[in-house]
Protein backbone atom coordinates (compact mmCIF):
# COMPACT_ATOMS: atom_id res chain seq x y z
CA UNK A 1 -35.28 -61.28 41.76
CA UNK A 2 -35.73 -62.79 38.96
CA UNK A 3 -33.80 -62.32 35.79
CA UNK A 4 -36.02 -62.49 32.90
CA UNK A 5 -35.55 -63.31 29.16
CA UNK A 6 -36.54 -63.77 25.91
CA UNK A 7 -35.48 -65.85 23.26
CA UNK A 8 -36.21 -65.52 19.41
CA UNK A 9 -35.42 -68.32 16.84
CA UNK A 10 -35.61 -67.60 13.64
CA UNK A 11 -33.99 -69.53 10.44
CA UNK A 12 -31.25 -68.06 8.06
CA UNK A 13 -33.79 -65.96 6.16
CA UNK A 14 -35.10 -64.31 9.18
CA UNK A 15 -38.35 -66.18 9.35
CA UNK A 16 -39.76 -66.27 12.76
CA UNK A 17 -39.77 -70.06 14.50
CA UNK A 18 -40.12 -69.79 18.29
CA UNK A 19 -40.03 -66.93 21.30
CA UNK A 20 -39.45 -68.85 24.67
CA UNK A 21 -39.88 -66.50 27.47
CA UNK A 22 -37.52 -67.57 30.74
CA UNK A 23 -38.67 -66.30 34.08
CA UNK A 24 -35.31 -67.23 36.03
CA UNK A 25 -31.10 -66.41 35.55
CA UNK A 26 -31.39 -65.01 32.24
CA UNK A 27 -28.14 -63.58 32.48
CA UNK A 28 -24.98 -64.84 29.61
CA UNK A 29 -23.95 -66.88 32.26
CA UNK A 30 -26.36 -68.80 32.95
CA UNK A 31 -29.01 -68.70 30.19
CA UNK A 32 -26.52 -67.91 27.43
CA UNK A 33 -24.13 -70.32 28.68
CA UNK A 34 -27.17 -73.23 28.46
CA UNK A 35 -28.16 -72.33 25.26
CA UNK A 36 -24.89 -72.72 23.43
CA UNK A 37 -24.38 -75.75 25.50
CA UNK A 38 -27.82 -76.85 23.97
CA UNK A 39 -26.88 -75.64 20.71
CA UNK A 40 -23.53 -77.47 20.58
CA UNK A 41 -24.66 -80.62 21.52
CA UNK A 42 -25.37 -82.29 18.64
CA UNK A 43 -25.04 -81.94 14.90
CA UNK A 44 -27.13 -80.14 11.86
CA UNK A 45 -28.36 -82.78 9.97
CA UNK A 46 -30.54 -83.28 6.85
CA UNK A 47 -32.20 -86.64 7.67
CA UNK A 48 -31.22 -88.83 10.22
CA UNK A 49 -29.54 -92.16 10.58
CA UNK A 50 -28.56 -94.95 12.79
CA UNK A 51 -25.24 -94.50 14.61
CA UNK A 52 -24.85 -90.62 13.82
CA UNK A 53 -24.77 -90.09 17.61
CA UNK A 54 -26.62 -86.78 18.71
CA UNK A 55 -28.18 -85.01 15.61
CA UNK A 56 -30.77 -82.07 15.14
CA UNK A 57 -32.62 -82.78 11.82
CA UNK A 58 -32.64 -79.18 10.55
CA UNK A 59 -33.07 -76.13 12.19
CA UNK A 60 -36.43 -76.44 13.68
CA UNK A 61 -35.42 -79.78 15.27
CA UNK A 62 -32.99 -77.86 17.17
CA UNK A 63 -35.81 -75.55 18.03
CA UNK A 64 -38.01 -78.42 19.56
CA UNK A 65 -34.66 -79.44 21.72
CA UNK A 66 -34.18 -76.10 23.16
CA UNK A 67 -37.78 -76.01 24.08
CA UNK A 68 -37.55 -79.46 25.79
CA UNK A 69 -34.17 -79.10 27.46
CA UNK A 70 -34.88 -75.21 29.24
CA UNK A 71 -38.12 -77.04 30.66
CA UNK A 72 -36.67 -80.13 31.35
CA UNK A 73 -33.56 -78.33 33.49
CA UNK A 74 -35.76 -75.17 34.72
CA UNK A 75 -38.82 -76.51 36.54
CA UNK A 76 -42.64 -75.66 35.89
CA UNK A 77 -43.44 -71.80 35.66
CA UNK A 78 -40.35 -70.83 34.39
CA UNK A 79 -40.21 -71.33 30.44
CA UNK A 80 -43.05 -70.46 28.50
CA UNK A 81 -43.72 -70.15 24.36
CA UNK A 82 -45.00 -66.93 23.30
CA UNK A 83 -45.89 -64.93 20.36
CA UNK A 84 -43.55 -62.99 18.14
CA UNK A 85 -45.24 -59.85 18.81
CA UNK A 86 -44.05 -60.51 22.78
CA UNK A 87 -40.87 -60.38 22.27
CA UNK A 88 -39.25 -57.92 24.30
CA UNK A 89 -42.25 -57.05 25.80
CA UNK A 90 -42.61 -59.54 28.98
CA UNK A 91 -39.93 -56.96 31.46
CA UNK A 92 -36.90 -58.90 29.94
CA UNK A 93 -33.57 -58.11 31.18
CA UNK A 94 -31.86 -59.65 28.31
CA UNK A 95 -33.41 -60.16 24.69
CA UNK A 96 -31.57 -63.84 23.06
CA UNK A 97 -32.02 -64.62 19.26
CA UNK A 98 -30.72 -67.87 17.93
CA UNK A 99 -30.15 -67.44 14.32
CA UNK A 100 -29.42 -70.28 11.85
CA UNK A 101 -26.03 -70.56 10.39
CA UNK A 102 -27.04 -70.66 6.58
CA UNK A 103 -23.79 -72.95 6.48
CA UNK A 104 -25.53 -76.14 7.24
CA UNK A 105 -23.82 -78.08 9.74
CA UNK A 106 -22.03 -75.38 11.56
CA UNK A 107 -23.91 -74.07 14.98
CA UNK A 108 -26.44 -71.47 14.93
CA UNK A 109 -25.51 -68.03 16.12
CA UNK A 110 -26.36 -66.84 19.66
CA UNK A 111 -26.68 -63.19 20.22
CA UNK A 112 -27.96 -61.36 23.59
CA UNK A 113 -29.28 -57.75 23.81
CA UNK A 114 -28.99 -56.64 26.69
CA UNK A 115 -30.21 -53.49 29.36
CA UNK A 116 -28.09 -50.56 27.44
CA UNK A 117 -29.55 -52.27 23.90
CA UNK A 118 -26.30 -53.60 22.96
CA UNK A 119 -26.10 -56.72 21.03
CA UNK A 120 -23.10 -59.07 21.05
CA UNK A 121 -22.60 -63.07 20.65
CA UNK A 122 -23.22 -64.17 23.78
CA UNK A 123 -19.89 -66.61 23.31
CA UNK A 124 -18.10 -63.35 22.98
CA UNK A 125 -19.18 -61.85 26.50
CA UNK A 126 -18.36 -65.49 28.17
CA UNK A 127 -14.81 -65.11 26.56
CA UNK A 128 -14.62 -62.00 28.73
CA UNK A 129 -15.93 -63.10 31.90
CA UNK A 130 -13.96 -66.07 31.67
CA UNK A 131 -10.68 -64.15 30.94
């Protein structure tokens, strides 16, 4: 059985950027960990330059990388772009939200709402599971 999830990406002002539907392995130890790994895999910059290593040229570039990484590693038929109105209306078990950290150059907040309607940082869940 699939553990469905949607990922809403919003900037620091709360403006919608993307809604990604993920059909399998949507639980925090799977998809949640993957989202944290992607968000922490580079630094946030304003303008790219040679020799700086992996970087995201602003938050919308990070959003593109999230879509790319999920699609590349999940295979066909598991990752889709949906509208903002579809968020939470696709039978999801988990609802994620990635929110731009207003302090540029810091990793965004990765939150998840579970089936009980409780929202918390994914990292807090992973810390409890791994304790």
